Amino acid sequence: MASTKEIRTKIKSVQNTRKITKAMEMVAASKMRKAQERMRQARPYADKVRNIAAHMAGSNPDYQHPFVVPREVKRAGIIVISTDKGLCGGLNTNVLRAVTNHLRLLDEKNISTQACAIGTKGAQFLARIGVNVVSQVTQLGDSPHLATLLGAIKVQLEAYSRGEVDVVHLAFTRFINTMRQEPVIEQLLPLPNGTLTQSAAEKKDYAWDYLYEPNAESVVNELLERYVEALVYQAVAENMASEQSARMVAMKAASDNAKSVIGDLQLIYNKTRQAAITKELSEIVGGAAAV
């Protein structure tokens, strides 16, 4: 049985660990609120761009941007969004497992793949399994900026425009609520059917004519590029909100487990100390009886 000194050392060690996890839980809770607000603020921009692009595309039915024209898929691209740091439960594991299954399905169809990694964990994973990573961006910090993401994103968009890939997918973790985050893989390009379809209310809200400068095609091209970039930024914002939520939950679980371990160790310490006292008393009584 361990001595009381060893048990006290273990208790002290677990208490120090609990202080760290408790502090990380509080920091994650603070960052989670900011990340959720950032995620919500990004949605109206993408929706507004989509509506304007849809109205303009409907006003010019003779022109179709390459982003909305389906192709026979022979080469695929995927943008994998993960976190830069760990200690967030199974968040990265779940989305990277979904990416692995997706890549396996593409490989079974003899479709070659190139990837863009956003986040350190995803970049390390893709390099480890031997996927062709054509661009990556890491260390985004707590507040992602679109300007930081553009370089990595444009590599895939330009590859699609040049015909080097026929489809681009987006893998990230969607924020559902504080306790639930869902790994998803969505088709980014070509834009899914119905993306540029407007409801009756939207048609009424956007029922006006535009003056194009220099021409309608250039404006539609620029709008659709901004829309796709906004979709990727929204996915990054969702992933960051999911990261902070998962980290807060994981650190709370770690703090609770540490508290339970401290209670168990304290009980063992008391029993060991009581056994030592009982032994000393027995020795004293035995010695007195012998005299």
Protein backbone atom coordinates (compact mmCIF):
# COMPACT_ATOMS: atom_id res chain seq x y z
CA MET A 1 0.00 0.00 0.00
CA ALA A 2 1.24 3.48 -0.82
CA SER A 3 2.50 5.61 2.05
CA THR A 4 0.60 8.66 3.25
CA LYS A 5 3.31 10.90 1.79
CA GLU A 6 2.88 9.37 -1.68
CA ILE A 7 -0.91 9.74 -1.47
CA ARG A 8 -0.59 13.40 -0.41
CA THR A 9 1.69 13.99 -3.41
CA LYS A 10 -0.90 12.42 -5.75
CA ILE A 11 -3.69 14.53 -4.23
CA LYS A 12 -1.63 17.69 -4.70
CA SER A 13 -0.87 16.74 -8.30
CA VAL A 14 -4.54 16.12 -9.15
CA GLN A 15 -5.55 19.35 -7.41
CA ASN A 16 -3.07 21.28 -9.59
CA THR A 17 -4.44 19.57 -12.70
CA ARG A 18 -7.99 20.45 -11.65
CA LYS A 19 -7.02 24.12 -11.29
CA ILE A 20 -5.72 24.09 -14.87
CA THR A 21 -8.79 22.36 -16.34
CA LYS A 22 -11.12 24.66 -14.39
CA ALA A 23 -9.31 27.72 -15.74
CA MET A 24 -9.42 26.32 -19.29
CA GLU A 25 -13.14 25.65 -18.90
CA MET A 26 -13.79 29.27 -17.92
CA VAL A 27 -11.63 30.61 -20.77
CA ALA A 28 -13.40 28.34 -23.28
CA ALA A 29 -16.81 29.49 -22.01
CA SER A 30 -15.82 33.12 -22.58
CA LYS A 31 -14.42 32.43 -26.05
CA MET A 32 -17.45 30.28 -26.94
CA ARG A 33 -19.85 33.21 -26.53
CA LYS A 34 -17.71 35.40 -28.77
CA ALA A 35 -17.33 32.61 -31.36
CA GLN A 36 -21.09 32.01 -31.45
CA GLU A 37 -21.74 35.73 -31.95
CA ARG A 38 -19.18 35.83 -34.77
CA MET A 39 -20.82 32.81 -36.39
CA ARG A 40 -24.28 34.43 -36.27
CA GLN A 41 -23.01 37.72 -37.67
CA ALA A 42 -21.50 35.96 -40.70
CA ARG A 43 -24.79 34.42 -41.84
CA PRO A 44 -26.65 37.55 -43.07
CA TYR A 45 -23.77 38.54 -45.38
CA ALA A 46 -23.71 35.17 -47.19
CA ASP A 47 -27.51 35.16 -47.44
CA LYS A 48 -27.57 38.69 -48.91
CA VAL A 49 -24.89 37.86 -51.49
CA ARG A 50 -26.76 34.68 -52.46
CA ASN A 51 -30.02 36.56 -52.99
CA ILE A 52 -28.43 39.24 -55.15
CA ALA A 53 -26.52 36.64 -57.18
CA ALA A 54 -29.68 34.57 -57.60
CA HIS A 55 -31.68 37.57 -58.80
CA MET A 56 -28.96 38.61 -61.24
CA ALA A 57 -28.55 35.05 -62.51
CA GLY A 58 -32.32 34.89 -63.07
CA SER A 59 -32.18 38.19 -64.94
CA ASN A 60 -29.50 36.76 -67.27
CA PRO A 61 -30.57 33.16 -67.99
CA ASP A 62 -28.31 32.90 -71.06
CA TYR A 63 -25.16 33.05 -68.94
CA GLN A 64 -24.16 30.32 -66.49
CA HIS A 65 -21.14 30.69 -64.28
CA PRO A 66 -18.82 27.63 -64.10
CA PHE A 67 -19.58 27.40 -60.38
CA VAL A 68 -23.16 26.29 -61.13
CA VAL A 69 -22.49 23.90 -64.05
CA PRO A 70 -22.20 20.20 -63.03
CA ARG A 71 -19.41 18.09 -64.56
CA GLU A 72 -18.43 14.47 -64.84
CA VAL A 73 -16.29 13.89 -61.75
CA LYS A 74 -12.79 12.56 -62.44
CA ARG A 75 -10.81 14.70 -59.99
CA ALA A 76 -12.01 16.06 -56.67
CA GLY A 77 -10.89 18.69 -54.20
CA ILE A 78 -11.70 18.91 -50.53
CA ILE A 79 -11.28 21.74 -48.01
CA VAL A 80 -10.77 20.29 -44.53
CA ILE A 81 -11.43 22.62 -41.59
CA SER A 82 -10.06 21.56 -38.21
CA THR A 83 -8.65 23.21 -35.09
CA ASP A 84 -5.14 24.41 -34.35
CA LYS A 85 -5.21 23.13 -30.76
CA GLY A 86 -6.32 19.96 -29.03
CA LEU A 87 -8.12 19.31 -25.73
CA CYS A 88 -11.53 19.63 -27.37
CA GLY A 89 -12.84 16.10 -27.00
CA GLY A 90 -13.55 14.12 -30.15
CA LEU A 91 -14.19 17.18 -32.34
CA ASN A 92 -11.26 16.69 -34.71
CA THR A 93 -11.43 12.90 -34.55
CA ASN A 94 -15.04 12.88 -35.74
CA VAL A 95 -14.57 15.23 -38.71
CA LEU A 96 -11.30 13.57 -39.78
CA ARG A 97 -12.96 10.15 -39.60
CA ALA A 98 -15.68 11.47 -41.92
CA VAL A 99 -12.95 12.81 -44.26
CA THR A 100 -11.24 9.40 -44.25
CA ASN A 101 -14.48 7.65 -45.24
CA HIS A 102 -15.11 10.25 -47.95
CA LEU A 103 -11.61 9.82 -49.40
CA ARG A 104 -12.03 6.04 -49.34
CA LEU A 105 -15.25 6.31 -51.37
CA LEU A 106 -13.54 8.58 -53.91
CA ASP A 107 -10.60 6.18 -54.16
CA GLU A 108 -12.95 3.25 -54.82
CA LYS A 109 -14.33 5.24 -57.79
CA ASN A 110 -10.77 5.95 -59.04
CA ILE A 111 -11.21 9.68 -58.42
CA SER A 112 -7.98 11.48 -57.56
CA THR A 113 -8.10 14.01 -54.74
CA GLN A 114 -6.29 17.18 -53.75
CA ALA A 115 -6.86 18.89 -50.43
CA CYS A 116 -6.74 22.28 -48.75
CA ALA A 117 -6.15 22.20 -44.99
CA ILE A 118 -7.44 24.92 -42.68
CA GLY A 119 -6.13 24.22 -39.18
CA THR A 120 -3.03 22.46 -37.84
CA LYS A 121 -4.73 19.19 -36.86
CA GLY A 122 -6.19 18.68 -40.34
CA ALA A 123 -2.90 19.57 -42.06
CA GLN A 124 -1.00 17.06 -39.94
CA PHE A 125 -3.60 14.37 -40.56
CA LEU A 126 -3.68 14.83 -44.34
CA ALA A 127 0.13 14.78 -44.52
CA ARG A 128 0.21 11.62 -42.42
CA ILE A 129 -2.17 9.68 -44.68
CA GLY A 130 -0.44 10.88 -47.85
CA VAL A 131 -3.12 13.14 -49.39
CA ASN A 132 -1.92 15.74 -51.89
CA VAL A 133 -2.20 19.01 -49.93
CA VAL A 134 -2.03 21.91 -52.40
CA SER A 135 -2.60 24.69 -49.86
CA GLN A 136 -2.97 25.16 -46.14
CA VAL A 137 -3.39 27.87 -43.52
CA THR A 138 -2.84 27.39 -39.79
CA GLN A 139 -2.73 29.42 -36.57
CA LEU A 140 -5.88 31.40 -37.31
CA GLY A 141 -6.20 32.59 -33.72
CA ASP A 142 -9.51 33.17 -31.97
CA SER A 143 -10.81 35.64 -34.59
CA PRO A 144 -10.46 34.32 -38.16
CA HIS A 145 -10.13 36.91 -40.91
CA LEU A 146 -11.25 36.24 -44.48
CA ALA A 147 -8.07 37.84 -45.80
CA THR A 148 -6.06 35.13 -44.02
CA LEU A 149 -8.14 32.34 -45.57
CA LEU A 150 -8.32 33.70 -49.12
CA GLY A 151 -4.93 32.45 -50.30
CA ALA A 152 -5.61 28.82 -49.40
CA ILE A 153 -9.22 28.93 -50.62
CA LYS A 154 -8.40 30.48 -54.00
CA VAL A 155 -6.05 27.62 -54.88
CA GLN A 156 -9.05 25.25 -54.92
CA LEU A 157 -11.40 27.74 -56.61
CA GLU A 158 -8.90 28.46 -59.37
CA ALA A 159 -8.24 24.74 -59.82
CA TYR A 160 -11.98 24.24 -60.31
CA SER A 161 -12.21 27.15 -62.76
CA ARG A 162 -9.31 25.73 -64.80
CA GLY A 163 -10.89 22.26 -64.86
CA GLU A 164 -8.18 20.65 -62.75
CA VAL A 165 -10.87 19.41 -60.34
CA ASP A 166 -14.50 18.68 -61.15
CA VAL A 167 -16.01 18.97 -57.67
CA VAL A 168 -14.97 20.60 -54.39
CA HIS A 169 -16.25 19.45 -51.00
CA LEU A 170 -16.11 21.23 -47.66
CA ALA A 171 -15.52 19.29 -44.42
CA PHE A 172 -16.12 21.01 -41.08
CA THR A 173 -17.96 20.66 -37.77
CA ARG A 174 -21.37 22.33 -37.70
CA PHE A 175 -22.44 24.00 -34.46
CA ILE A 176 -25.83 22.69 -33.30
CA ASN A 177 -25.76 23.76 -29.65
CA THR A 178 -23.34 23.84 -26.74
CA MET A 179 -23.61 20.10 -26.13
CA ARG A 180 -23.82 18.94 -29.75
CA GLN A 181 -21.56 19.51 -32.74
CA GLU A 182 -21.99 17.60 -36.00
CA PRO A 183 -19.22 16.73 -38.51
CA VAL A 184 -20.44 17.35 -42.07
CA ILE A 185 -19.06 17.12 -45.60
CA GLU A 186 -20.93 19.35 -48.05
CA GLN A 187 -20.53 19.97 -51.76
CA LEU A 188 -19.12 23.44 -52.25
CA LEU A 189 -18.62 23.44 -56.04
CA PRO A 190 -20.52 23.20 -58.25
CA LEU A 191 -23.14 24.92 -56.14
CA PRO A 192 -25.94 22.44 -55.34
CA ASN A 193 -29.20 22.63 -57.27
CA GLY A 194 -31.53 25.21 -55.78
CA THR A 195 -28.78 27.42 -54.35
CA LEU A 196 -29.67 30.25 -56.73
CA THR A 197 -33.41 29.63 -56.56
CA GLN A 198 -35.43 32.37 -54.88
CA SER A 199 -38.66 32.04 -52.97
CA ALA A 200 -41.66 34.23 -53.82
CA ALA A 201 -40.86 36.56 -50.92
CA GLU A 202 -37.22 36.87 -51.99
CA LYS A 203 -38.24 37.61 -55.57
CA LYS A 204 -40.50 40.37 -54.28
CA ASP A 205 -37.75 41.85 -52.07
CA TYR A 206 -35.20 41.81 -54.90
CA ALA A 207 -37.56 42.74 -57.76
CA TRP A 208 -35.54 45.54 -59.33
CA ASP A 209 -33.24 46.04 -62.27
CA TYR A 210 -29.51 46.62 -62.08
CA LEU A 211 -27.08 48.78 -64.03
CA TYR A 212 -24.02 46.64 -64.70
CA GLU A 213 -20.48 47.95 -64.81
CA PRO A 214 -18.59 46.77 -66.80
CA ASN A 215 -21.07 43.98 -67.72
CA ALA A 216 -23.46 41.46 -66.16
CA GLU A 217 -21.09 38.50 -66.52
CA SER A 218 -18.27 40.21 -64.62
CA VAL A 219 -20.59 41.21 -61.79
CA VAL A 220 -22.13 37.72 -61.50
CA ASN A 221 -18.64 36.15 -61.53
CA GLU A 222 -17.45 38.42 -58.74
CA LEU A 223 -20.59 37.89 -56.66
CA LEU A 224 -20.43 34.10 -56.87
CA GLU A 225 -16.76 34.12 -55.87
CA ARG A 226 -17.61 36.27 -52.85
CA TYR A 227 -20.50 33.93 -52.03
CA VAL A 228 -18.32 30.81 -52.10
CA GLU A 229 -15.67 32.54 -49.99
CA ALA A 230 -18.39 33.56 -47.52
CA LEU A 231 -19.54 29.92 -47.30
CA VAL A 232 -16.01 28.82 -46.36
CA TYR A 233 -15.68 31.64 -43.81
CA GLN A 234 -19.04 30.65 -42.31
CA ALA A 235 -17.81 27.05 -42.01
CA VAL A 236 -14.65 28.25 -40.24
CA ALA A 237 -16.75 30.35 -37.85
CA GLU A 238 -19.02 27.36 -37.14
CA ASN A 239 -15.98 25.15 -36.55
CA MET A 240 -14.50 27.64 -34.08
CA ALA A 241 -17.78 27.90 -32.17
CA SER A 242 -17.89 24.10 -32.06
CA GLU A 243 -14.26 23.98 -30.88
CA GLN A 244 -14.81 26.27 -27.91
CA SER A 245 -18.05 24.49 -26.95
CA ALA A 246 -16.38 21.07 -27.14
CA ARG A 247 -13.36 22.33 -25.16
CA MET A 248 -15.58 23.79 -22.44
CA VAL A 249 -17.49 20.51 -22.11
CA ALA A 250 -14.27 18.45 -22.15
CA MET A 251 -12.59 20.62 -19.52
CA LYS A 252 -15.72 20.51 -17.31
CA ALA A 253 -15.70 16.72 -17.54
CA ALA A 254 -11.97 16.69 -16.69
CA SER A 255 -12.55 18.97 -13.69
CA ASP A 256 -15.40 16.77 -12.45
CA ASN A 257 -13.29 13.63 -12.87
CA ALA A 258 -10.40 15.28 -11.02
CA LYS A 259 -12.74 16.15 -8.15
CA SER A 260 -13.89 12.53 -8.03
CA VAL A 261 -10.30 11.25 -8.06
CA ILE A 262 -9.36 13.67 -5.25
CA GLY A 263 -12.28 12.33 -3.16
CA ASP A 264 -11.17 8.73 -3.74
CA LEU A 265 -7.55 9.53 -2.90
CA GLN A 266 -8.62 11.43 0.22
CA LEU A 267 -10.57 8.37 1.37
CA ILE A 268 -7.56 6.11 0.74
CA TYR A 269 -5.34 8.60 2.60
CA ASN A 270 -7.65 8.59 5.63
CA LYS A 271 -7.78 4.79 5.67
CA THR A 272 -3.99 4.52 5.35
CA ARG A 273 -3.46 7.09 8.09
CA GLN A 274 -5.96 5.33 10.37
CA ALA A 275 -4.24 1.99 9.70
CA ALA A 276 -0.87 3.51 10.60
CA ILE A 277 -2.27 4.95 13.86
CA THR A 278 -3.89 1.63 14.74
CA LYS A 279 -0.61 -0.18 14.07
CA GLU A 280 1.35 2.22 16.30
CA LEU A 281 -1.20 1.81 19.11
CA SER A 282 -1.01 -1.96 18.78
CA GLU A 283 2.77 -1.83 19.01
CA ILE A 284 2.60 0.39 22.10
CA VAL A 285 0.06 -1.86 23.78
CA GLY A 286 2.07 -4.94 22.81
CA GLY A 287 5.26 -3.41 24.20
CA ALA A 288 3.59 -2.39 27.47
CA ALA A 289 2.16 -5.89 27.87
CA ALA A 290 5.58 -7.44 27.28
CA VAL A 291 7.12 -5.27 30.01
